[in-house]
C-alpha atoms as a PDB file:
ATOM      1  CA  UNK A   1       6.949  37.195   6.112  1.00  0.00           C
ATOM      2  CA  UNK A   2       7.934  37.812   2.539  1.00  0.00           C
ATOM      3  CA  UNK A   3      11.566  38.910   1.841  1.00  0.00           C
ATOM      4  CA  UNK A   4      11.893  42.077  -0.280  1.00  0.00           C
ATOM      5  CA  UNK A   5      14.753  42.563  -2.620  1.00  0.00           C
ATOM      6  CA  UNK A   6      15.559  46.401  -2.773  1.00  0.00           C
ATOM      7  CA  UNK A   7      17.461  47.856  -5.736  1.00  0.00           C
ATOM      8  CA  UNK A   8      19.300  51.092  -4.816  1.00  0.00           C
ATOM      9  CA  UNK A   9      19.843  53.208  -7.997  1.00  0.00           C
ATOM     10  CA  UNK A  10      23.433  54.291  -8.532  1.00  0.00           C
ATOM     11  CA  UNK A  11      24.905  51.954  -5.768  1.00  0.00           C
ATOM     12  CA  UNK A  12      27.449  49.385  -6.764  1.00  0.00           C
ATOM     13  CA  UNK A  13      26.576  45.639  -6.325  1.00  0.00           C
ATOM     14  CA  UNK A  14      28.168  45.171  -2.864  1.00  0.00           C
ATOM     15  CA  UNK A  15      26.593  48.306  -1.463  1.00  0.00           C
ATOM     16  CA  UNK A  16      23.229  47.394  -2.937  1.00  0.00           C
ATOM     17  CA  UNK A  17      23.352  44.131  -1.249  1.00  0.00           C
ATOM     18  CA  UNK A  18      24.130  45.699   2.151  1.00  0.00           C
ATOM     19  CA  UNK A  19      21.404  48.153   1.580  1.00  0.00           C
ATOM     20  CA  UNK A  20      18.863  45.324   0.909  1.00  0.00           C
ATOM     21  CA  UNK A  21      20.039  43.386   3.944  1.00  0.00           C
ATOM     22  CA  UNK A  22      19.656  46.429   6.225  1.00  0.00           C
ATOM     23  CA  UNK A  23      16.083  46.866   4.837  1.00  0.00           C
ATOM     24  CA  UNK A  24      15.098  43.280   5.615  1.00  0.00           C
ATOM     25  CA  UNK A  25      16.678  43.519   9.202  1.00  0.00           C
ATOM     26  CA  UNK A  26      14.773  46.727   9.881  1.00  0.00           C
ATOM     27  CA  UNK A  27      11.477  45.090   8.789  1.00  0.00           C
ATOM     28  CA  UNK A  28      12.153  42.036  11.075  1.00  0.00           C
ATOM     29  CA  UNK A  29      12.998  44.177  13.989  1.00  0.00           C
ATOM     30  CA  UNK A  30       9.907  46.285  13.567  1.00  0.00           C
ATOM     31  CA  UNK A  31       7.469  43.198  13.562  1.00  0.00           C
ATOM     32  CA  UNK A  32       4.948  43.336  16.378  1.00  0.00           C
ATOM     33  CA  UNK A  33       6.131  41.591  19.596  1.00  0.00           C
ATOM     34  CA  UNK A  34       2.787  39.722  19.670  1.00  0.00           C
ATOM     35  CA  UNK A  35       3.627  37.882  16.347  1.00  0.00           C
ATOM     36  CA  UNK A  36       6.964  36.741  17.705  1.00  0.00           C
ATOM     37  CA  UNK A  37       5.286  35.671  21.044  1.00  0.00           C
ATOM     38  CA  UNK A  38       2.696  33.716  19.022  1.00  0.00           C
ATOM     39  CA  UNK A  39       5.426  31.799  17.133  1.00  0.00           C
ATOM     40  CA  UNK A  40       7.274  31.126  20.409  1.00  0.00           C
ATOM     41  CA  UNK A  41       4.097  29.708  22.051  1.00  0.00           C
ATOM     42  CA  UNK A  42       3.257  27.628  18.963  1.00  0.00           C
ATOM     43  CA  UNK A  43       6.809  26.127  19.140  1.00  0.00           C
ATOM     44  CA  UNK A  44       6.340  25.238  22.710  1.00  0.00           C
ATOM     45  CA  UNK A  45       3.069  23.558  22.071  1.00  0.00           C
ATOM     46  CA  UNK A  46       4.651  21.491  19.198  1.00  0.00           C
ATOM     47  CA  UNK A  47       7.467  20.460  21.460  1.00  0.00           C
ATOM     48  CA  UNK A  48       5.240  19.390  24.261  1.00  0.00           C
ATOM     49  CA  UNK A  49       2.833  17.366  22.053  1.00  0.00           C
ATOM     50  CA  UNK A  50       2.675  13.798  23.236  1.00  0.00           C
ATOM     51  CA  UNK A  51       4.332  11.276  21.020  1.00  0.00           C
ATOM     52  CA  UNK A  52       2.136   8.823  19.132  1.00  0.00           C
ATOM     53  CA  UNK A  53       2.194   5.505  20.799  1.00  0.00           C
ATOM     54  CA  UNK A  54       3.423   3.034  18.377  1.00  0.00           C
ATOM     55  CA  UNK A  55       4.561   0.330  20.744  1.00  0.00           C
ATOM     56  CA  UNK A  56       1.663  -1.959  20.218  1.00  0.00           C
ATOM     57  CA  UNK A  57       1.965  -1.802  16.483  1.00  0.00           C
ATOM     58  CA  UNK A  58       5.744  -2.331  16.560  1.00  0.00           C
ATOM     59  CA  UNK A  59       5.141  -5.452  18.779  1.00  0.00           C
ATOM     60  CA  UNK A  60       3.182  -7.020  15.987  1.00  0.00           C
ATOM     61  CA  UNK A  61       5.246  -5.738  13.061  1.00  0.00           C
ATOM     62  CA  UNK A  62       8.564  -6.994  14.502  1.00  0.00           C
ATOM     63  CA  UNK A  63       7.257 -10.475  14.433  1.00  0.00           C
ATOM     64  CA  UNK A  64       7.160 -10.404  10.616  1.00  0.00           C
ATOM     65  CA  UNK A  65      10.254 -11.401   8.687  1.00  0.00           C
ATOM     66  CA  UNK A  66      12.402  -8.380   7.586  1.00  0.00           C
ATOM     67  CA  UNK A  67      12.879  -7.862   3.827  1.00  0.00           C
ATOM     68  CA  UNK A  68      16.290  -6.916   2.393  1.00  0.00           C
ATOM     69  CA  UNK A  69      14.669  -4.379   0.170  1.00  0.00           C
ATOM     70  CA  UNK A  70      12.642  -2.532   2.815  1.00  0.00           C
ATOM     71  CA  UNK A  71      14.748   0.599   2.917  1.00  0.00           C
ATOM     72  CA  UNK A  72      14.767   0.784  -0.898  1.00  0.00           C
ATOM     73  CA  UNK A  73      10.962   0.293  -1.057  1.00  0.00           C
ATOM     74  CA  UNK A  74      10.536   3.014   1.543  1.00  0.00           C
ATOM     75  CA  UNK A  75      12.396   5.471  -0.602  1.00  0.00           C
ATOM     76  CA  UNK A  76      10.654   4.486  -3.777  1.00  0.00           C
ATOM     77  CA  UNK A  77       7.133   4.307  -2.296  1.00  0.00           C
ATOM     78  CA  UNK A  78       7.595   7.577  -0.396  1.00  0.00           C
ATOM     79  CA  UNK A  79       7.607   9.320  -3.710  1.00  0.00           C
ATOM     80  CA  UNK A  80       4.040   8.011  -4.466  1.00  0.00           C
ATOM     81  CA  UNK A  81       1.166  10.116  -2.979  1.00  0.00           C
ATOM     82  CA  UNK A  82      -1.825   8.330  -1.807  1.00  0.00           C
ATOM     83  CA  UNK A  83      -4.543   8.135  -4.310  1.00  0.00           C
ATOM     84  CA  UNK A  84      -6.882   9.760  -1.952  1.00  0.00           C
ATOM     85  CA  UNK A  85      -6.333  11.028   1.620  1.00  0.00           C
ATOM     86  CA  UNK A  86      -7.654   8.852   4.272  1.00  0.00           C
ATOM     87  CA  UNK A  87     -10.825  10.182   5.955  1.00  0.00           C
ATOM     88  CA  UNK A  88     -10.536  11.376   9.557  1.00  0.00           C
ATOM     89  CA  UNK A  89     -11.238   8.302  11.836  1.00  0.00           C
ATOM     90  CA  UNK A  90     -14.525   8.206  13.705  1.00  0.00           C
ATOM     91  CA  UNK A  91     -14.504   8.415  17.390  1.00  0.00           C
ATOM     92  CA  UNK A  92     -15.300   4.908  18.432  1.00  0.00           C
ATOM     93  CA  UNK A  93     -13.824   1.549  19.214  1.00  0.00           C
ATOM     94  CA  UNK A  94     -10.419   0.856  17.626  1.00  0.00           C
ATOM     95  CA  UNK A  95      -9.820  -2.260  15.651  1.00  0.00           C
ATOM     96  CA  UNK A  96      -6.276  -3.638  14.723  1.00  0.00           C
ATOM     97  CA  UNK A  97      -6.645  -4.873  11.187  1.00  0.00           C
ATOM     98  CA  UNK A  98      -3.755  -6.675   9.376  1.00  0.00           C
ATOM     99  CA  UNK A  99      -2.955  -5.702   5.738  1.00  0.00           C
ATOM    100  CA  UNK A 100      -0.536  -7.543   3.409  1.00  0.00           C
ATOM    101  CA  UNK A 101       2.825  -5.956   2.531  1.00  0.00           C
ATOM    102  CA  UNK A 102       4.292  -4.811  -0.782  1.00  0.00           C
ATOM    103  CA  UNK A 103       1.105  -4.684  -2.816  1.00  0.00           C
ATOM    104  CA  UNK A 104       0.768  -1.185  -4.221  1.00  0.00           C
ATOM    105  CA  UNK A 105      -1.775   0.104  -5.230  1.00  0.00           C
ATOM    106  CA  UNK A 106      -3.789  -1.980  -2.884  1.00  0.00           C
ATOM    107  CA  UNK A 107      -1.664  -1.207   0.201  1.00  0.00           C
ATOM    108  CA  UNK A 108       0.626   1.795   0.672  1.00  0.00           C
ATOM    109  CA  UNK A 109       2.806   1.006   3.744  1.00  0.00           C
ATOM    110  CA  UNK A 110       4.776   4.334   3.734  1.00  0.00           C
ATOM    111  CA  UNK A 111       1.608   6.390   3.861  1.00  0.00           C
ATOM    112  CA  UNK A 112      -0.352   3.833   5.826  1.00  0.00           C
ATOM    113  CA  UNK A 113      -3.034   4.047   3.085  1.00  0.00           C
ATOM    114  CA  UNK A 114      -4.057   2.363  -0.154  1.00  0.00           C
ATOM    115  CA  UNK A 115      -7.250   0.888  -1.726  1.00  0.00           C
ATOM    116  CA  UNK A 116      -7.781  -1.811   0.835  1.00  0.00           C
ATOM    117  CA  UNK A 117      -7.148   0.195   4.033  1.00  0.00           C
ATOM    118  CA  UNK A 118      -9.424   2.920   2.745  1.00  0.00           C
ATOM    119  CA  UNK A 119     -12.072   0.487   1.849  1.00  0.00           C
ATOM    120  CA  UNK A 120     -12.054  -1.471   5.174  1.00  0.00           C
ATOM    121  CA  UNK A 121     -11.903   1.747   7.143  1.00  0.00           C
ATOM    122  CA  UNK A 122     -14.795   3.246   5.204  1.00  0.00           C
ATOM    123  CA  UNK A 123     -17.019   0.152   5.698  1.00  0.00           C
ATOM    124  CA  UNK A 124     -16.279  -0.249   9.381  1.00  0.00           C
ATOM    125  CA  UNK A 125     -16.693   3.516  10.160  1.00  0.00           C
ATOM    126  CA  UNK A 126     -20.413   3.129   9.180  1.00  0.00           C
ATOM    127  CA  UNK A 127     -20.722   1.387  12.605  1.00  0.00           C
ATOM    128  CA  UNK A 128     -18.384   3.730  14.512  1.00  0.00           C
ATOM    129  CA  UNK A 129     -15.186   1.743  14.367  1.00  0.00           C
ATOM    130  CA  UNK A 130     -11.793   3.183  13.884  1.00  0.00           C
ATOM    131  CA  UNK A 131      -9.286   1.117  11.971  1.00  0.00           C
ATOM    132  CA  UNK A 132      -5.573   0.928  12.945  1.00  0.00           C
ATOM    133  CA  UNK A 133      -3.858  -0.730  10.083  1.00  0.00           C
ATOM    134  CA  UNK A 134      -0.941  -3.167  10.812  1.00  0.00           C
ATOM    135  CA  UNK A 135       1.245  -4.241   7.929  1.00  0.00           C
ATOM    136  CA  UNK A 136       2.750  -7.763   7.914  1.00  0.00           C
ATOM    137  CA  UNK A 137       2.781 -10.961   5.792  1.00  0.00           C
ATOM    138  CA  UNK A 138      -0.512 -12.681   5.274  1.00  0.00           C
ATOM    139  CA  UNK A 139       0.303 -15.925   7.105  1.00  0.00           C
ATOM    140  CA  UNK A 140       1.579 -14.110  10.196  1.00  0.00           C
ATOM    141  CA  UNK A 141      -1.570 -11.826  10.173  1.00  0.00           C
ATOM    142  CA  UNK A 142      -3.859 -14.726  10.060  1.00  0.00           C
ATOM    143  CA  UNK A 143      -2.082 -16.426  13.023  1.00  0.00           C
ATOM    144  CA  UNK A 144      -2.374 -13.242  15.051  1.00  0.00           C
ATOM    145  CA  UNK A 145      -6.099 -13.028  14.343  1.00  0.00           C
ATOM    146  CA  UNK A 146      -6.449 -16.501  15.831  1.00  0.00           C
ATOM    147  CA  UNK A 147      -4.362 -15.533  18.844  1.00  0.00           C
ATOM    148  CA  UNK A 148      -6.368 -12.433  19.484  1.00  0.00           C
ATOM    149  CA  UNK A 149      -3.560  -9.876  18.785  1.00  0.00           C
ATOM    150  CA  UNK A 150      -5.423  -8.680  15.677  1.00  0.00           C
ATOM    151  CA  UNK A 151      -9.139  -8.106  15.180  1.00  0.00           C
ATOM    152  CA  UNK A 152      -9.027  -8.988  11.545  1.00  0.00           C
ATOM    153  CA  UNK A 153      -6.888  -9.340   8.410  1.00  0.00           C
ATOM    154  CA  UNK A 154      -6.950  -9.584   4.711  1.00  0.00           C
ATOM    155  CA  UNK A 155      -6.951 -10.378   1.872  1.00  0.00           C
ATOM    156  CA  UNK A 156      -7.714 -14.118   2.113  1.00  0.00           C
ATOM    157  CA  UNK A 157      -8.787 -16.259  -0.866  1.00  0.00           C
ATOM    158  CA  UNK A 158     -11.770 -18.573  -1.200  1.00  0.00           C
ATOM    159  CA  UNK A 159      -9.480 -21.525  -0.477  1.00  0.00           C
ATOM    160  CA  UNK A 160      -7.864 -20.073   2.660  1.00  0.00           C
ATOM    161  CA  UNK A 161      -8.236 -22.065   5.946  1.00  0.00           C
ATOM    162  CA  UNK A 162     -10.241 -19.720   8.161  1.00  0.00           C
ATOM    163  CA  UNK A 163     -11.974 -22.288  10.356  1.00  0.00           C
ATOM    164  CA  UNK A 164     -13.150 -20.697  13.646  1.00  0.00           C
ATOM    165  CA  UNK A 165     -13.005 -17.207  12.233  1.00  0.00           C
ATOM    166  CA  UNK A 166     -15.763 -14.894  10.807  1.00  0.00           C
ATOM    167  CA  UNK A 167     -15.369 -14.473   7.061  1.00  0.00           C
ATOM    168  CA  UNK A 168     -16.783 -11.266   5.567  1.00  0.00           C
ATOM    169  CA  UNK A 169     -18.379 -10.805   2.150  1.00  0.00           C
ATOM    170  CA  UNK A 170     -16.378 -10.570  -0.969  1.00  0.00           C
ATOM    171  CA  UNK A 171     -14.984  -7.011  -1.143  1.00  0.00           C
ATOM    172  CA  UNK A 172     -12.810  -7.169  -4.211  1.00  0.00           C
ATOM    173  CA  UNK A 173     -11.758  -9.246  -7.207  1.00  0.00           C
ATOM    174  CA  UNK A 174      -8.140  -9.617  -8.071  1.00  0.00           C
ATOM    175  CA  UNK A 175      -7.361 -10.267 -11.766  1.00  0.00           C
ATOM    176  CA  UNK A 176      -4.303 -12.496 -11.757  1.00  0.00           C
ATOM    177  CA  UNK A 177      -2.727 -12.895 -15.039  1.00  0.00           C
ATOM    178  CA  UNK A 178       0.475 -14.402 -16.723  1.00  0.00           C
ATOM    179  CA  UNK A 179       2.854 -11.805 -18.294  1.00  0.00           C
ATOM    180  CA  UNK A 180       5.492 -12.561 -20.834  1.00  0.00           C
ATOM    181  CA  UNK A 181       7.649 -10.486 -23.091  1.00  0.00           C
ATOM    182  CA  UNK A 182       6.575 -10.205 -26.724  1.00  0.00           C
ATOM    183  CA  UNK A 183      10.178 -10.960 -27.634  1.00  0.00           C
ATOM    184  CA  UNK A 184       9.936 -14.327 -25.843  1.00  0.00           C
ATOM    185  CA  UNK A 185       7.280 -15.490 -28.293  1.00  0.00           C
ATOM    186  CA  UNK A 186       5.327 -17.614 -25.781  1.00  0.00           C
ATOM    187  CA  UNK A 187       1.899 -18.999 -26.377  1.00  0.00           C
ATOM    188  CA  UNK A 188       0.248 -19.477 -23.005  1.00  0.00           C
ATOM    189  CA  UNK A 189      -3.414 -20.487 -23.044  1.00  0.00           C
ATOM    190  CA  UNK A 190      -3.695 -22.926 -20.200  1.00  0.00           C
ATOM    191  CA  UNK A 191      -2.131 -23.644 -16.817  1.00  0.00           C
ATOM    192  CA  UNK A 192      -0.387 -26.647 -18.364  1.00  0.00           C
ATOM    193  CA  UNK A 193       1.666 -24.240 -20.544  1.00  0.00           C
ATOM    194  CA  UNK A 194       3.394 -22.929 -17.525  1.00  0.00           C
ATOM    195  CA  UNK A 195       5.025 -26.512 -16.730  1.00  0.00           C
ATOM    196  CA  UNK A 196       8.792 -26.200 -17.431  1.00  0.00           C
ATOM    197  CA  UNK A 197       8.863 -22.430 -17.744  1.00  0.00           C
ATOM    198  CA  UNK A 198      10.634 -20.261 -15.100  1.00  0.00           C
ATOM    199  CA  UNK A 199       7.662 -18.823 -13.268  1.00  0.00           C
ATOM    200  CA  UNK A 200       7.865 -16.023 -10.664  1.00  0.00           C
ATOM    201  CA  UNK A 201       4.509 -15.680  -8.775  1.00  0.00           C
ATOM    202  CA  UNK A 202       3.376 -13.391  -5.986  1.00  0.00           C
ATOM    203  CA  UNK A 203       3.764 -14.625  -2.407  1.00  0.00           C
ATOM    204  CA  UNK A 204       1.457 -17.373  -1.355  1.00  0.00           C
ATOM    205  CA  UNK A 205       0.120 -17.837  -4.832  1.00  0.00           C
ATOM    206  CA  UNK A 206      -0.005 -21.517  -4.061  1.00  0.00           C
ATOM    207  CA  UNK A 207      -2.683 -20.757  -1.472  1.00  0.00           C
ATOM    208  CA  UNK A 208      -4.620 -18.032  -3.309  1.00  0.00           C
ATOM    209  CA  UNK A 209      -4.712 -19.605  -6.775  1.00  0.00           C
ATOM    210  CA  UNK A 210      -6.297 -23.026  -5.871  1.00  0.00           C
ATOM    211  CA  UNK A 211      -5.269 -26.671  -5.964  1.00  0.00           C
ATOM    212  CA  UNK A 212      -4.566 -26.943  -9.640  1.00  0.00           C
ATOM    213  CA  UNK A 213      -2.122 -24.083  -9.531  1.00  0.00           C
ATOM    214  CA  UNK A 214      -0.547 -25.523  -6.410  1.00  0.00           C
ATOM    215  CA  UNK A 215       0.043 -28.794  -8.254  1.00  0.00           C
ATOM    216  CA  UNK A 216       1.669 -26.972 -11.275  1.00  0.00           C
ATOM    217  CA  UNK A 217       3.944 -25.210  -8.831  1.00  0.00           C
ATOM    218  CA  UNK A 218       4.847 -28.349  -7.008  1.00  0.00           C
ATOM    219  CA  UNK A 219       5.768 -30.101 -10.322  1.00  0.00           C
ATOM    220  CA  UNK A 220       7.766 -27.190 -11.679  1.00  0.00           C
ATOM    221  CA  UNK A 221      11.355 -26.988 -10.411  1.00  0.00           C
ATOM    222  CA  UNK A 222      11.724 -23.491 -11.828  1.00  0.00           C
ATOM    223  CA  UNK A 223       8.845 -22.022  -9.926  1.00  0.00           C
ATOM    224  CA  UNK A 224       9.385 -19.430  -7.257  1.00  0.00           C
ATOM    225  CA  UNK A 225       7.403 -16.899  -5.252  1.00  0.00           C
ATOM    226  CA  UNK A 226       8.369 -13.293  -4.331  1.00  0.00           C
ATOM    227  CA  UNK A 227       7.072 -11.118  -1.458  1.00  0.00           C
ATOM    228  CA  UNK A 228       8.188  -7.842  -3.067  1.00  0.00           C
ATOM    229  CA  UNK A 229       6.118  -7.354  -6.173  1.00  0.00           C
ATOM    230  CA  UNK A 230       8.059  -4.216  -7.170  1.00  0.00           C
ATOM    231  CA  UNK A 231      11.128  -6.414  -7.419  1.00  0.00           C
ATOM    232  CA  UNK A 232       9.037  -9.164  -9.096  1.00  0.00           C
ATOM    233  CA  UNK A 233       8.115  -6.831 -11.910  1.00  0.00           C
ATOM    234  CA  UNK A 234      11.381  -5.180 -12.256  1.00  0.00           C
ATOM    235  CA  UNK A 235      13.219  -8.506 -12.488  1.00  0.00           C
ATOM    236  CA  UNK A 236      10.769  -9.675 -15.098  1.00  0.00           C
ATOM    237  CA  UNK A 237      11.984  -7.039 -17.530  1.00  0.00           C
ATOM    238  CA  UNK A 238      15.651  -8.017 -16.979  1.00  0.00           C
ATOM    239  CA  UNK A 239      15.190 -11.816 -17.363  1.00  0.00           C
ATOM    240  CA  UNK A 240      13.865 -12.461 -20.842  1.00  0.00           C
ATOM    241  CA  UNK A 241      13.146 -16.175 -20.151  1.00  0.00           C
ATOM    242  CA  UNK A 242      10.895 -15.579 -17.107  1.00  0.00           C
ATOM    243  CA  UNK A 243       7.078 -15.237 -16.938  1.00  0.00           C
ATOM    244  CA  UNK A 244       5.327 -13.794 -13.908  1.00  0.00           C
ATOM    245  CA  UNK A 245       1.969 -14.458 -12.282  1.00  0.00           C
ATOM    246  CA  UNK A 246       0.654 -11.178 -10.895  1.00  0.00           C
ATOM    247  CA  UNK A 247      -2.450  -9.172 -10.352  1.00  0.00           C
ATOM    248  CA  UNK A 248      -3.146  -7.024 -13.365  1.00  0.00           C
ATOM    249  CA  UNK A 249      -3.595  -3.741 -11.391  1.00  0.00           C
ATOM    250  CA  UNK A 250      -0.298  -4.405  -9.505  1.00  0.00           C
ATOM    251  CA  UNK A 251       1.609  -5.052 -12.678  1.00  0.00           C
ATOM    252  CA  UNK A 252       0.204  -1.913 -14.512  1.00  0.00           C
ATOM    253  CA  UNK A 253       1.111   0.247 -11.408  1.00  0.00           C
ATOM    254  CA  UNK A 254       4.762  -0.994 -11.323  1.00  0.00           C
ATOM    255  CA  UNK A 255       5.198  -1.027 -15.014  1.00  0.00           C
ATOM    256  CA  UNK A 256       4.237   2.694 -15.239  1.00  0.00           C
ATOM    257  CA  UNK A 257       6.826   3.517 -12.588  1.00  0.00           C
ATOM    258  CA  UNK A 258       9.533   1.545 -14.327  1.00  0.00           C
ATOM    259  CA  UNK A 259       8.548   3.154 -17.771  1.00  0.00           C
ATOM    260  CA  UNK A 260       9.224   6.562 -16.219  1.00  0.00           C
ATOM    261  CA  UNK A 261      12.778   5.314 -15.664  1.00  0.00           C
ATOM    262  CA  UNK A 262      13.171   4.030 -19.155  1.00  0.00           C
ATOM    263  CA  UNK A 263      12.669   0.311 -18.166  1.00  0.00           C
ATOM    264  CA  UNK A 264      10.248  -1.718 -20.102  1.00  0.00           C
ATOM    265  CA  UNK A 265       9.492  -3.764 -23.269  1.00  0.00           C
ATOM    266  CA  UNK A 266       6.363  -4.818 -24.983  1.00  0.00           C
ATOM    267  CA  UNK A 267       4.481  -7.466 -23.190  1.00  0.00           C
ATOM    268  CA  UNK A 268       1.777 -10.066 -23.711  1.00  0.00           C
ATOM    269  CA  UNK A 269      -0.966 -10.461 -21.034  1.00  0.00           C
ATOM    270  CA  UNK A 270      -2.351 -13.951 -20.874  1.00  0.00           C
ATOM    271  CA  UNK A 271      -5.683 -14.038 -19.103  1.00  0.00           C
ATOM    272  CA  UNK A 272      -5.847 -17.744 -18.367  1.00  0.00           C
ATOM    273  CA  UNK A 273      -7.210 -17.410 -14.750  1.00  0.00           C
ATOM    274  CA  UNK A 274     -10.674 -16.538 -13.516  1.00  0.00           C
ATOM    275  CA  UNK A 275     -11.078 -13.535 -11.353  1.00  0.00           C
ATOM    276  CA  UNK A 276     -10.197 -14.205  -7.778  1.00  0.00           C
ATOM    277  CA  UNK A 277     -12.597 -13.189  -4.956  1.00  0.00           C
ATOM    278  CA  UNK A 278     -10.968 -11.646  -1.998  1.00  0.00           C
ATOM    279  CA  UNK A 279     -12.255 -11.487   1.592  1.00  0.00           C
ATOM    280  CA  UNK A 280     -11.454 -10.158   5.018  1.00  0.00           C
ATOM    281  CA  UNK A 281     -11.671 -12.344   8.054  1.00  0.00           C
ATOM    282  CA  UNK A 282     -12.471 -11.223  11.580  1.00  0.00           C
ATOM    283  CA  UNK A 283     -12.107 -12.646  15.047  1.00  0.00           C
ATOM    284  CA  UNK A 284     -15.554 -11.434  16.201  1.00  0.00           C
ATOM    285  CA  UNK A 285     -18.682 -12.135  14.193  1.00  0.00           C
ATOM    286  CA  UNK A 286     -20.134  -8.741  15.364  1.00  0.00           C
ATOM    287  CA  UNK A 287     -17.397  -6.894  13.642  1.00  0.00           C
ATOM    288  CA  UNK A 288     -17.677  -9.083  10.553  1.00  0.00           C
ATOM    289  CA  UNK A 289     -21.391  -8.158  10.393  1.00  0.00           C
ATOM    290  CA  UNK A 290     -20.521  -4.435  10.765  1.00  0.00           C
ATOM    291  CA  UNK A 291     -18.121  -4.697   7.865  1.00  0.00           C
ATOM    292  CA  UNK A 292     -20.555  -6.556   5.579  1.00  0.00           C
ATOM    293  CA  UNK A 293     -23.315  -3.899   6.327  1.00  0.00           C
ATOM    294  CA  UNK A 294     -20.892  -1.020   5.736  1.00  0.00           C
ATOM    295  CA  UNK A 295     -19.705  -2.598   2.512  1.00  0.00           C
ATOM    296  CA  UNK A 296     -23.278  -2.879   1.202  1.00  0.00           C
ATOM    297  CA  UNK A 297     -23.827   0.750   2.027  1.00  0.00           C
ATOM    298  CA  UNK A 298     -20.716   1.803   0.133  1.00  0.00           C
ATOM    299  CA  UNK A 299     -21.898  -0.244  -2.859  1.00  0.00           C
ATOM    300  CA  UNK A 300     -25.548   1.165  -2.768  1.00  0.00           C
ATOM    301  CA  UNK A 301     -24.188   4.810  -2.485  1.00  0.00           C
ATOM    302  CA  UNK A 302     -21.814   4.474  -5.429  1.00  0.00           C
ATOM    303  CA  UNK A 303     -18.864   5.263  -3.203  1.00  0.00           C
ATOM    304  CA  UNK A 304     -17.467   1.763  -3.644  1.00  0.00           C
ATOM    305  CA  UNK A 305     -17.357   2.085  -7.493  1.00  0.00           C
ATOM    306  CA  UNK A 306     -15.542   5.517  -7.086  1.00  0.00           C
ATOM    307  CA  UNK A 307     -12.862   3.915  -4.845  1.00  0.00           C
ATOM    308  CA  UNK A 308     -12.022   0.789  -6.883  1.00  0.00           C
ATOM    309  CA  UNK A 309     -12.245   2.280 -10.352  1.00  0.00           C
END
């Protein structure tokens, strides 16, 4: 119901306010009883609605290590709407699929959305499956797939140990790059140029980036990995001697957010790595086959190109 402000000619301010209040009260009291009854019944329905059962998801999520910046990330990421709303889930068997943490725009934990959950849900929905996303670190997710607590997880790299599990087709390519500040004046053309530099890479880069990268990391005492990529990018702009290894989409996303806060400097993007194929792995080969078939349908229809652009 809209509130009406009434101006009474010739009445001083206090009397005009009382007159307006009386007008609004009279309008409310004259509202049909059926409207008030409808609002009451609707409130009752809302209060009696069953609570969503999150116990099973919490049981998995609590096994993951807590991050000190979780509450701050929740505030920051809550301000970011999902790129596209998730489609209503199909009415079919439910699959618990593990997704990595802190990897916007690929995974949006706050909204339980992001590029990867949308892509996996869209592919599996073609076979009638419903996807329940579970967010936890990659290593823990892979362990729970082997134990049967999760039906699948991703992303995994080409070099990941997935013996005994069903590996799906390549669903996406990550474009990992080295980023330095222009002011640092660094010339980085090969992996060997990272030796001796302070390098901050994404979590599990040693696994994802292959044996040559792992050897560089092992030989570099100034090498470290960070789970929270928002913090990784922000720290990069505050430590002028540091370079970071990060996916180019992830860097662009967080750089734009920081620029809105006045944080940022000119950077150099060193594209010294080949594109990295990413896969999802499943416990059941039947589910893997459904995912692969759905992915092909998305690609043939053009929907895939629209989602990953």
